[in-house]
Amino acid sequence: MKRLQSWKVSDDFWARVERLIPERQRNSDKSYKRKSGGGRKPQDPRKVFEGILYVLRTGCQWKAVPKSEYGSSSSIHRYFLEWQTMGLFEQLWRASLLEYDELEGIAWEWQSLDGAMIKAPLALESVGRNPTDRGKKRGSKRSLLTDEKGLPLSIVISGANTHDVKLLAATLNAVIIERPNEDTLKQNLCLDAGYVGETAKGEIEERGYIPHVRPRGEEIEEKDKNPDFKARRWIVEVCHSWFNRFRKLLVRYEKMDRSYLGLLMLAASVIVLRKIKRQNMNNIIYG
């Protein structure tokens, strides 16, 4: 029982989520009444959301959600799909980034982009043979754009056999909030050697970025030669590792893209909200 307590949603977190939930569901115990003789009994939306987080963090199957703690597993999955369709997780991610931007300021000047492979044995969409294991297993690819501090700004998924450079334009176009104008703020984009080429350079410059395409070895050599040199491309790999701490994302068992993207967006929201919480604590201590 003690272990389950770690998946509880704080009042502060829930307040951010609750305002995005439809009024009918938010006040289901007060304003929503079933028709006489039929219909499902409304569930507490906070318990439902905690159940979704439980799945995201533990990686368990939807049907394995503890009923005594969170309610019907089928209802939790149904709510998850409904909330994903209405854009709740995307809205939460966007609202969290805007809140962080107002509090601390998103570090737009140096951004970083890269892809990561994910095993996807059951996926029916955005799946392909994984080239890292000679195409023996199926997998998906997650293309991610972050700011200088590792905050996720954009997520795109595709088959594992899709080359990183083919996802570049889509990832840059999918930034969840409005970017500053490049005329007022210089924005650099750091990438690895997988994005070398005139096509990639054109896509980057067309969107107002200054490209910095460097293999990993070059950054290490430059750091050895110049102690003041600051490697920046690696931060996107750190953000990928943050996503992988959510065990439901480490291996993709979701068949449809919408389900996997919904989980990714919820995880992105949690990552940003943790940054907000940490910054608020710093303000209390040092402010």
C-alpha atoms as a PDB file:
ATOM      1  CA  MET A   1       0.000   0.000   0.000  1.00  0.00           C
ATOM      2  CA  LYS A   2       2.816   2.408   0.752  1.00  0.00           C
ATOM      3  CA  ARG A   3       4.185   1.968  -2.738  1.00  0.00           C
ATOM      4  CA  LEU A   4       0.915   3.158  -4.269  1.00  0.00           C
ATOM      5  CA  GLN A   5       1.099   6.413  -2.329  1.00  0.00           C
ATOM      6  CA  SER A   6       3.954   7.582  -4.597  1.00  0.00           C
ATOM      7  CA  TRP A   7       1.522   7.770  -7.548  1.00  0.00           C
ATOM      8  CA  LYS A   8      -0.837  10.188  -5.816  1.00  0.00           C
ATOM      9  CA  VAL A   9      -1.388  13.492  -7.581  1.00  0.00           C
ATOM     10  CA  SER A  10      -0.683  16.558  -5.467  1.00  0.00           C
ATOM     11  CA  ASP A  11      -3.355  19.237  -5.068  1.00  0.00           C
ATOM     12  CA  ASP A  12      -1.170  21.648  -7.017  1.00  0.00           C
ATOM     13  CA  PHE A  13      -0.776  19.227  -9.933  1.00  0.00           C
ATOM     14  CA  TRP A  14      -4.447  18.304  -9.936  1.00  0.00           C
ATOM     15  CA  ALA A  15      -5.515  21.964 -10.034  1.00  0.00           C
ATOM     16  CA  ARG A  16      -3.639  22.317 -13.344  1.00  0.00           C
ATOM     17  CA  VAL A  17      -5.283  19.215 -14.774  1.00  0.00           C
ATOM     18  CA  GLU A  18      -8.799  19.774 -13.428  1.00  0.00           C
ATOM     19  CA  ARG A  19      -9.407  23.026 -15.274  1.00  0.00           C
ATOM     20  CA  LEU A  20      -8.776  21.228 -18.595  1.00  0.00           C
ATOM     21  CA  ILE A  21     -11.334  18.476 -17.931  1.00  0.00           C
ATOM     22  CA  PRO A  22     -14.888  18.963 -19.274  1.00  0.00           C
ATOM     23  CA  GLU A  23     -17.339  20.308 -16.710  1.00  0.00           C
ATOM     24  CA  ARG A  24     -19.541  17.212 -16.948  1.00  0.00           C
ATOM     25  CA  GLN A  25     -16.651  14.942 -15.907  1.00  0.00           C
ATOM     26  CA  ARG A  26     -15.065  17.383 -13.484  1.00  0.00           C
ATOM     27  CA  ASN A  27     -18.204  17.556 -11.385  1.00  0.00           C
ATOM     28  CA  SER A  28     -19.525  14.111 -12.197  1.00  0.00           C
ATOM     29  CA  ASP A  29     -20.531  13.451  -8.600  1.00  0.00           C
ATOM     30  CA  LYS A  30     -22.587  16.643  -8.468  1.00  0.00           C
ATOM     31  CA  SER A  31     -23.889  17.686 -11.887  1.00  0.00           C
ATOM     32  CA  TYR A  32     -23.938  14.474 -13.879  1.00  0.00           C
ATOM     33  CA  LYS A  33     -26.766  12.006 -13.353  1.00  0.00           C
ATOM     34  CA  ARG A  34     -27.263   8.736 -15.157  1.00  0.00           C
ATOM     35  CA  LYS A  35     -30.473   8.089 -16.973  1.00  0.00           C
ATOM     36  CA  SER A  36     -32.814   5.942 -15.002  1.00  0.00           C
ATOM     37  CA  GLY A  37     -32.026   2.259 -15.452  1.00  0.00           C
ATOM     38  CA  GLY A  38     -28.769   2.518 -17.377  1.00  0.00           C
ATOM     39  CA  GLY A  39     -25.378   4.011 -18.055  1.00  0.00           C
ATOM     40  CA  ARG A  40     -22.047   3.755 -16.315  1.00  0.00           C
ATOM     41  CA  LYS A  41     -21.541   5.152 -12.859  1.00  0.00           C
ATOM     42  CA  PRO A  42     -19.287   8.228 -13.168  1.00  0.00           C
ATOM     43  CA  GLN A  43     -15.772   7.833 -11.764  1.00  0.00           C
ATOM     44  CA  ASP A  44     -13.832  10.365  -9.761  1.00  0.00           C
ATOM     45  CA  PRO A  45     -11.716  12.114 -12.460  1.00  0.00           C
ATOM     46  CA  ARG A  46      -8.846  12.625 -10.035  1.00  0.00           C
ATOM     47  CA  LYS A  47      -8.690   8.889  -9.326  1.00  0.00           C
ATOM     48  CA  VAL A  48      -8.859   8.218 -13.064  1.00  0.00           C
ATOM     49  CA  PHE A  49      -5.958  10.573 -13.733  1.00  0.00           C
ATOM     50  CA  GLU A  50      -3.930   8.941 -10.955  1.00  0.00           C
ATOM     51  CA  GLY A  51      -4.645   5.562 -12.549  1.00  0.00           C
ATOM     52  CA  ILE A  52      -3.336   6.822 -15.892  1.00  0.00           C
ATOM     53  CA  LEU A  53      -0.174   8.092 -14.194  1.00  0.00           C
ATOM     54  CA  TYR A  54       0.190   4.725 -12.465  1.00  0.00           C
ATOM     55  CA  VAL A  55       0.225   3.001 -15.867  1.00  0.00           C
ATOM     56  CA  LEU A  56       2.659   5.565 -17.294  1.00  0.00           C
ATOM     57  CA  ARG A  57       5.118   5.248 -14.420  1.00  0.00           C
ATOM     58  CA  THR A  58       4.965   1.496 -13.757  1.00  0.00           C
ATOM     59  CA  GLY A  59       4.559   0.289 -17.347  1.00  0.00           C
ATOM     60  CA  CYS A  60       1.820  -2.157 -16.362  1.00  0.00           C
ATOM     61  CA  GLN A  61      -0.973  -3.225 -18.697  1.00  0.00           C
ATOM     62  CA  TRP A  62      -4.133  -1.161 -18.534  1.00  0.00           C
ATOM     63  CA  LYS A  63      -6.087  -4.125 -17.198  1.00  0.00           C
ATOM     64  CA  ALA A  64      -3.557  -4.515 -14.359  1.00  0.00           C
ATOM     65  CA  VAL A  65      -4.396  -1.154 -12.731  1.00  0.00           C
ATOM     66  CA  PRO A  66      -5.319  -1.854  -9.071  1.00  0.00           C
ATOM     67  CA  LYS A  67      -9.115  -1.582  -8.954  1.00  0.00           C
ATOM     68  CA  SER A  68      -9.184  -1.025  -5.195  1.00  0.00           C
ATOM     69  CA  GLU A  69      -7.013   2.048  -5.572  1.00  0.00           C
ATOM     70  CA  TYR A  70      -8.087   3.626  -8.867  1.00  0.00           C
ATOM     71  CA  GLY A  71     -11.345   1.998  -9.959  1.00  0.00           C
ATOM     72  CA  SER A  72     -12.275   0.075 -13.087  1.00  0.00           C
ATOM     73  CA  SER A  73      -9.293  -0.428 -15.415  1.00  0.00           C
ATOM     74  CA  SER A  74     -11.501  -0.434 -18.522  1.00  0.00           C
ATOM     75  CA  SER A  75     -13.008   2.906 -17.489  1.00  0.00           C
ATOM     76  CA  ILE A  76      -9.553   4.369 -16.852  1.00  0.00           C
ATOM     77  CA  HIS A  77      -8.447   3.355 -20.353  1.00  0.00           C
ATOM     78  CA  ARG A  78     -11.678   4.726 -21.826  1.00  0.00           C
ATOM     79  CA  TYR A  79     -11.161   8.075 -20.075  1.00  0.00           C
ATOM     80  CA  PHE A  80      -7.533   8.114 -21.257  1.00  0.00           C
ATOM     81  CA  LEU A  81      -8.573   7.711 -24.901  1.00  0.00           C
ATOM     82  CA  GLU A  82     -11.351  10.296 -24.513  1.00  0.00           C
ATOM     83  CA  TRP A  83      -9.014  12.832 -22.915  1.00  0.00           C
ATOM     84  CA  GLN A  84      -6.361  12.198 -25.538  1.00  0.00           C
ATOM     85  CA  THR A  85      -8.880  12.739 -28.340  1.00  0.00           C
ATOM     86  CA  MET A  86     -10.025  16.044 -26.843  1.00  0.00           C
ATOM     87  CA  GLY A  87      -6.382  17.159 -26.529  1.00  0.00           C
ATOM     88  CA  LEU A  88      -6.149  17.275 -22.727  1.00  0.00           C
ATOM     89  CA  PHE A  89      -2.566  15.991 -22.527  1.00  0.00           C
ATOM     90  CA  GLU A  90      -1.398  18.322 -25.291  1.00  0.00           C
ATOM     91  CA  GLN A  91      -3.075  21.258 -23.533  1.00  0.00           C
ATOM     92  CA  LEU A  92      -1.463  20.302 -20.227  1.00  0.00           C
ATOM     93  CA  TRP A  93       1.976  20.139 -21.856  1.00  0.00           C
ATOM     94  CA  ARG A  94       1.472  23.515 -23.552  1.00  0.00           C
ATOM     95  CA  ALA A  95       0.123  25.169 -20.402  1.00  0.00           C
ATOM     96  CA  SER A  96       3.050  23.811 -18.375  1.00  0.00           C
ATOM     97  CA  LEU A  97       5.585  25.208 -20.839  1.00  0.00           C
ATOM     98  CA  LEU A  98       3.870  28.606 -20.852  1.00  0.00           C
ATOM     99  CA  GLU A  99       3.880  28.644 -17.056  1.00  0.00           C
ATOM    100  CA  TYR A 100       7.579  27.763 -16.983  1.00  0.00           C
ATOM    101  CA  ASP A 101       8.300  30.426 -19.614  1.00  0.00           C
ATOM    102  CA  GLU A 102       6.631  33.051 -17.433  1.00  0.00           C
ATOM    103  CA  LEU A 103       8.398  31.835 -14.296  1.00  0.00           C
ATOM    104  CA  GLU A 104      11.907  31.155 -15.562  1.00  0.00           C
ATOM    105  CA  GLY A 105      11.963  31.684 -19.309  1.00  0.00           C
ATOM    106  CA  ILE A 106      12.434  28.965 -21.923  1.00  0.00           C
ATOM    107  CA  ALA A 107      16.047  28.891 -23.125  1.00  0.00           C
ATOM    108  CA  TRP A 108      15.344  29.280 -26.856  1.00  0.00           C
ATOM    109  CA  GLU A 109      18.834  30.438 -27.825  1.00  0.00           C
ATOM    110  CA  TRP A 110      20.353  26.942 -27.914  1.00  0.00           C
ATOM    111  CA  GLN A 111      18.034  24.112 -28.918  1.00  0.00           C
ATOM    112  CA  SER A 112      18.868  20.472 -29.564  1.00  0.00           C
ATOM    113  CA  LEU A 113      17.207  17.775 -31.657  1.00  0.00           C
ATOM    114  CA  ASP A 114      17.708  14.033 -32.040  1.00  0.00           C
ATOM    115  CA  GLY A 115      15.856  10.758 -32.429  1.00  0.00           C
ATOM    116  CA  ALA A 116      15.713   7.640 -30.240  1.00  0.00           C
ATOM    117  CA  MET A 117      14.689   4.064 -31.053  1.00  0.00           C
ATOM    118  CA  ILE A 118      11.945   2.307 -29.072  1.00  0.00           C
ATOM    119  CA  LYS A 119      11.010  -1.362 -29.274  1.00  0.00           C
ATOM    120  CA  ALA A 120       7.413  -1.651 -30.479  1.00  0.00           C
ATOM    121  CA  PRO A 121       6.408  -5.325 -30.666  1.00  0.00           C
ATOM    122  CA  LEU A 122       2.646  -4.663 -30.827  1.00  0.00           C
ATOM    123  CA  ALA A 123       2.466  -1.341 -32.695  1.00  0.00           C
ATOM    124  CA  LEU A 124       0.287  -1.151 -35.813  1.00  0.00           C
ATOM    125  CA  GLU A 125       1.153   2.438 -36.750  1.00  0.00           C
ATOM    126  CA  SER A 126       4.484   4.296 -37.041  1.00  0.00           C
ATOM    127  CA  VAL A 127       6.462   1.086 -36.825  1.00  0.00           C
ATOM    128  CA  GLY A 128       9.255  -0.440 -38.916  1.00  0.00           C
ATOM    129  CA  ARG A 129      12.194  -2.787 -38.850  1.00  0.00           C
ATOM    130  CA  ASN A 130      14.863  -1.552 -36.457  1.00  0.00           C
ATOM    131  CA  PRO A 131      18.144  -1.031 -38.356  1.00  0.00           C
ATOM    132  CA  THR A 132      20.219  -1.226 -35.162  1.00  0.00           C
ATOM    133  CA  ASP A 133      19.502  -4.962 -34.837  1.00  0.00           C
ATOM    134  CA  ARG A 134      19.703  -5.791 -38.572  1.00  0.00           C
ATOM    135  CA  GLY A 135      15.999  -5.314 -38.973  1.00  0.00           C
ATOM    136  CA  LYS A 136      15.072  -8.370 -36.930  1.00  0.00           C
ATOM    137  CA  LYS A 137      12.667  -6.595 -34.591  1.00  0.00           C
ATOM    138  CA  ARG A 138       9.982  -3.977 -35.031  1.00  0.00           C
ATOM    139  CA  GLY A 139      10.378  -0.564 -33.504  1.00  0.00           C
ATOM    140  CA  SER A 140       9.346   3.076 -33.488  1.00  0.00           C
ATOM    141  CA  LYS A 141      11.393   6.250 -33.414  1.00  0.00           C
ATOM    142  CA  ARG A 142      10.819   9.276 -31.204  1.00  0.00           C
ATOM    143  CA  SER A 143      12.147  12.572 -32.591  1.00  0.00           C
ATOM    144  CA  LEU A 144      12.539  15.208 -29.895  1.00  0.00           C
ATOM    145  CA  LEU A 145      13.361  18.921 -29.780  1.00  0.00           C
ATOM    146  CA  THR A 146      14.449  20.520 -26.498  1.00  0.00           C
ATOM    147  CA  ASP A 147      15.554  23.890 -25.226  1.00  0.00           C
ATOM    148  CA  GLU A 148      18.984  24.477 -23.667  1.00  0.00           C
ATOM    149  CA  LYS A 149      17.850  23.053 -20.314  1.00  0.00           C
ATOM    150  CA  GLY A 150      16.286  19.916 -21.770  1.00  0.00           C
ATOM    151  CA  LEU A 151      12.618  20.954 -21.711  1.00  0.00           C
ATOM    152  CA  PRO A 152      10.679  19.042 -24.417  1.00  0.00           C
ATOM    153  CA  LEU A 153       9.334  21.441 -27.035  1.00  0.00           C
ATOM    154  CA  SER A 154       8.306  19.041 -29.786  1.00  0.00           C
ATOM    155  CA  ILE A 155       7.711  15.287 -30.209  1.00  0.00           C
ATOM    156  CA  VAL A 156       7.153  13.321 -33.416  1.00  0.00           C
ATOM    157  CA  ILE A 157       6.982   9.545 -33.824  1.00  0.00           C
ATOM    158  CA  SER A 158       7.647   7.348 -36.844  1.00  0.00           C
ATOM    159  CA  GLY A 159       8.885   3.884 -37.762  1.00  0.00           C
ATOM    160  CA  ALA A 160      12.336   2.874 -36.557  1.00  0.00           C
ATOM    161  CA  ASN A 161      13.492   2.559 -40.168  1.00  0.00           C
ATOM    162  CA  THR A 162      12.833   6.267 -40.829  1.00  0.00           C
ATOM    163  CA  HIS A 163      16.103   8.215 -41.082  1.00  0.00           C
ATOM    164  CA  ASP A 164      16.478  11.026 -38.550  1.00  0.00           C
ATOM    165  CA  VAL A 165      16.839  13.664 -41.236  1.00  0.00           C
ATOM    166  CA  LYS A 166      13.420  12.765 -42.691  1.00  0.00           C
ATOM    167  CA  LEU A 167      11.819  13.691 -39.361  1.00  0.00           C
ATOM    168  CA  LEU A 168      13.681  16.989 -39.034  1.00  0.00           C
ATOM    169  CA  ALA A 169      11.109  19.261 -40.708  1.00  0.00           C
ATOM    170  CA  ALA A 170       8.145  17.619 -38.976  1.00  0.00           C
ATOM    171  CA  THR A 171       9.806  17.929 -35.568  1.00  0.00           C
ATOM    172  CA  LEU A 172      10.640  21.594 -36.067  1.00  0.00           C
ATOM    173  CA  ASN A 173       7.113  22.288 -37.306  1.00  0.00           C
ATOM    174  CA  ALA A 174       5.525  20.586 -34.288  1.00  0.00           C
ATOM    175  CA  VAL A 175       6.842  22.941 -31.578  1.00  0.00           C
ATOM    176  CA  ILE A 176       4.022  22.983 -29.046  1.00  0.00           C
ATOM    177  CA  ILE A 177       4.167  26.719 -28.259  1.00  0.00           C
ATOM    178  CA  GLU A 178       4.997  29.749 -30.348  1.00  0.00           C
ATOM    179  CA  ARG A 179       8.699  30.347 -30.920  1.00  0.00           C
ATOM    180  CA  PRO A 180      10.185  33.827 -30.547  1.00  0.00           C
ATOM    181  CA  ASN A 181      10.823  35.708 -33.761  1.00  0.00           C
ATOM    182  CA  GLU A 182      14.302  34.910 -35.084  1.00  0.00           C
ATOM    183  CA  ASP A 183      14.821  38.614 -35.796  1.00  0.00           C
ATOM    184  CA  THR A 184      14.604  39.415 -32.084  1.00  0.00           C
ATOM    185  CA  LEU A 185      16.318  36.309 -30.694  1.00  0.00           C
ATOM    186  CA  LYS A 186      19.071  34.332 -32.376  1.00  0.00           C
ATOM    187  CA  GLN A 187      18.252  30.620 -32.178  1.00  0.00           C
ATOM    188  CA  ASN A 188      20.852  27.899 -32.629  1.00  0.00           C
ATOM    189  CA  LEU A 189      20.016  24.268 -33.373  1.00  0.00           C
ATOM    190  CA  CYS A 190      22.455  21.532 -32.316  1.00  0.00           C
ATOM    191  CA  LEU A 191      22.394  18.142 -34.059  1.00  0.00           C
ATOM    192  CA  ASP A 192      24.646  15.137 -34.568  1.00  0.00           C
ATOM    193  CA  ALA A 193      26.222  13.836 -37.765  1.00  0.00           C
ATOM    194  CA  GLY A 194      22.979  12.131 -38.814  1.00  0.00           C
ATOM    195  CA  TYR A 195      21.724  15.518 -39.984  1.00  0.00           C
ATOM    196  CA  VAL A 196      24.662  16.364 -42.255  1.00  0.00           C
ATOM    197  CA  GLY A 197      23.723  17.521 -45.754  1.00  0.00           C
ATOM    198  CA  GLU A 198      22.352  20.412 -47.739  1.00  0.00           C
ATOM    199  CA  THR A 199      18.754  19.210 -47.423  1.00  0.00           C
ATOM    200  CA  ALA A 200      18.875  19.293 -43.644  1.00  0.00           C
ATOM    201  CA  LYS A 201      20.727  22.598 -43.646  1.00  0.00           C
ATOM    202  CA  GLY A 202      18.034  24.112 -45.850  1.00  0.00           C
ATOM    203  CA  GLU A 203      15.230  22.886 -43.583  1.00  0.00           C
ATOM    204  CA  ILE A 204      16.982  24.345 -40.531  1.00  0.00           C
ATOM    205  CA  GLU A 205      17.783  27.744 -42.032  1.00  0.00           C
ATOM    206  CA  GLU A 206      14.324  28.032 -43.599  1.00  0.00           C
ATOM    207  CA  ARG A 207      12.886  27.999 -40.081  1.00  0.00           C
ATOM    208  CA  GLY A 208      15.211  30.705 -38.801  1.00  0.00           C
ATOM    209  CA  TYR A 209      17.765  28.516 -37.012  1.00  0.00           C
ATOM    210  CA  ILE A 210      21.545  28.648 -37.129  1.00  0.00           C
ATOM    211  CA  PRO A 211      22.656  25.004 -37.679  1.00  0.00           C
ATOM    212  CA  HIS A 212      25.387  23.373 -35.563  1.00  0.00           C
ATOM    213  CA  VAL A 213      25.825  19.831 -36.863  1.00  0.00           C
ATOM    214  CA  ARG A 214      28.650  18.079 -35.032  1.00  0.00           C
ATOM    215  CA  PRO A 215      29.514  14.413 -34.390  1.00  0.00           C
ATOM    216  CA  ARG A 216      29.925  13.384 -30.761  1.00  0.00           C
ATOM    217  CA  GLY A 217      33.680  12.965 -31.130  1.00  0.00           C
ATOM    218  CA  GLU A 218      34.128  16.548 -32.295  1.00  0.00           C
ATOM    219  CA  GLU A 219      32.544  17.971 -29.149  1.00  0.00           C
ATOM    220  CA  ILE A 220      34.764  15.794 -26.953  1.00  0.00           C
ATOM    221  CA  GLU A 221      37.907  16.869 -28.830  1.00  0.00           C
ATOM    222  CA  GLU A 222      36.881  20.527 -28.675  1.00  0.00           C
ATOM    223  CA  LYS A 223      36.288  20.244 -24.921  1.00  0.00           C
ATOM    224  CA  ASP A 224      39.784  18.790 -24.462  1.00  0.00           C
ATOM    225  CA  LYS A 225      41.339  21.626 -26.474  1.00  0.00           C
ATOM    226  CA  ASN A 226      39.231  24.402 -25.031  1.00  0.00           C
ATOM    227  CA  PRO A 227      38.130  24.081 -21.370  1.00  0.00           C
ATOM    228  CA  ASP A 228      35.684  26.974 -21.877  1.00  0.00           C
ATOM    229  CA  PHE A 229      33.864  25.157 -24.680  1.00  0.00           C
ATOM    230  CA  LYS A 230      30.295  24.174 -23.724  1.00  0.00           C
ATOM    231  CA  ALA A 231      28.892  21.076 -25.410  1.00  0.00           C
ATOM    232  CA  ARG A 232      25.177  21.569 -26.042  1.00  0.00           C
ATOM    233  CA  ARG A 233      23.899  18.791 -28.308  1.00  0.00           C
ATOM    234  CA  TRP A 234      23.902  16.161 -25.538  1.00  0.00           C
ATOM    235  CA  ILE A 235      21.021  17.767 -23.633  1.00  0.00           C
ATOM    236  CA  VAL A 236      18.448  16.166 -25.956  1.00  0.00           C
ATOM    237  CA  GLU A 237      19.828  12.759 -24.997  1.00  0.00           C
ATOM    238  CA  VAL A 238      19.277  13.645 -21.341  1.00  0.00           C
ATOM    239  CA  CYS A 239      15.645  14.469 -22.125  1.00  0.00           C
ATOM    240  CA  HIS A 240      15.238  11.132 -23.932  1.00  0.00           C
ATOM    241  CA  SER A 241      16.511   9.439 -20.765  1.00  0.00           C
ATOM    242  CA  TRP A 242      13.898  11.346 -18.709  1.00  0.00           C
ATOM    243  CA  PHE A 243      11.180   9.937 -20.963  1.00  0.00           C
ATOM    244  CA  ASN A 244      12.585   6.425 -20.594  1.00  0.00           C
ATOM    245  CA  ARG A 245      12.130   6.631 -16.819  1.00  0.00           C
ATOM    246  CA  PHE A 246       8.414   6.311 -17.522  1.00  0.00           C
ATOM    247  CA  ARG A 247       8.336   2.564 -17.985  1.00  0.00           C
ATOM    248  CA  LYS A 248       5.281   2.606 -20.250  1.00  0.00           C
ATOM    249  CA  LEU A 249       7.393   4.524 -22.801  1.00  0.00           C
ATOM    250  CA  LEU A 250      10.529   2.381 -22.599  1.00  0.00           C
ATOM    251  CA  VAL A 251       8.925  -0.323 -24.753  1.00  0.00           C
ATOM    252  CA  ARG A 252       5.952   0.686 -26.853  1.00  0.00           C
ATOM    253  CA  TYR A 253       3.050  -1.722 -26.344  1.00  0.00           C
ATOM    254  CA  GLU A 254       0.442   0.769 -27.550  1.00  0.00           C
ATOM    255  CA  LYS A 255      -0.914  -0.287 -30.936  1.00  0.00           C
ATOM    256  CA  MET A 256      -2.148   3.092 -32.124  1.00  0.00           C
ATOM    257  CA  ASP A 257      -0.161   6.307 -32.476  1.00  0.00           C
ATOM    258  CA  ARG A 258      -2.766   8.349 -30.610  1.00  0.00           C
ATOM    259  CA  SER A 259      -2.302   6.271 -27.445  1.00  0.00           C
ATOM    260  CA  TYR A 260       1.476   6.410 -27.510  1.00  0.00           C
ATOM    261  CA  LEU A 261       1.509  10.137 -28.287  1.00  0.00           C
ATOM    262  CA  GLY A 262      -0.939  10.764 -25.457  1.00  0.00           C
ATOM    263  CA  LEU A 263       1.411   9.041 -23.020  1.00  0.00           C
ATOM    264  CA  LEU A 264       4.396  10.967 -24.409  1.00  0.00           C
ATOM    265  CA  MET A 265       2.602  14.288 -23.984  1.00  0.00           C
ATOM    266  CA  LEU A 266       1.582  13.440 -20.428  1.00  0.00           C
ATOM    267  CA  ALA A 267       5.190  12.493 -19.631  1.00  0.00           C
ATOM    268  CA  ALA A 268       6.375  15.774 -21.196  1.00  0.00           C
ATOM    269  CA  SER A 269       3.955  17.646 -18.923  1.00  0.00           C
ATOM    270  CA  VAL A 270       5.314  15.886 -15.843  1.00  0.00           C
ATOM    271  CA  ILE A 271       8.903  16.693 -16.883  1.00  0.00           C
ATOM    272  CA  VAL A 272       8.080  20.406 -17.259  1.00  0.00           C
ATOM    273  CA  LEU A 273       6.045  20.546 -14.031  1.00  0.00           C
ATOM    274  CA  ARG A 274       8.951  19.043 -12.123  1.00  0.00           C
ATOM    275  CA  LYS A 275      11.121  21.877 -13.423  1.00  0.00           C
ATOM    276  CA  ILE A 276       8.494  24.370 -12.258  1.00  0.00           C
ATOM    277  CA  LYS A 277       8.349  22.784  -8.809  1.00  0.00           C
ATOM    278  CA  ARG A 278      12.143  22.833  -8.514  1.00  0.00           C
ATOM    279  CA  GLN A 279      12.279  26.475  -9.575  1.00  0.00           C
ATOM    280  CA  ASN A 280       9.582  27.436  -7.067  1.00  0.00           C
ATOM    281  CA  MET A 281      11.594  25.753  -4.334  1.00  0.00           C
ATOM    282  CA  ASN A 282      14.698  27.684  -5.415  1.00  0.00           C
ATOM    283  CA  ASN A 283      12.732  30.929  -5.264  1.00  0.00           C
ATOM    284  CA  ILE A 284      11.635  30.094  -1.717  1.00  0.00           C
ATOM    285  CA  ILE A 285      15.184  29.290  -0.650  1.00  0.00           C
ATOM    286  CA  TYR A 286      17.100  31.973  -2.520  1.00  0.00           C
ATOM    287  CA  GLY A 287      14.487  34.558  -3.403  1.00  0.00           C
END
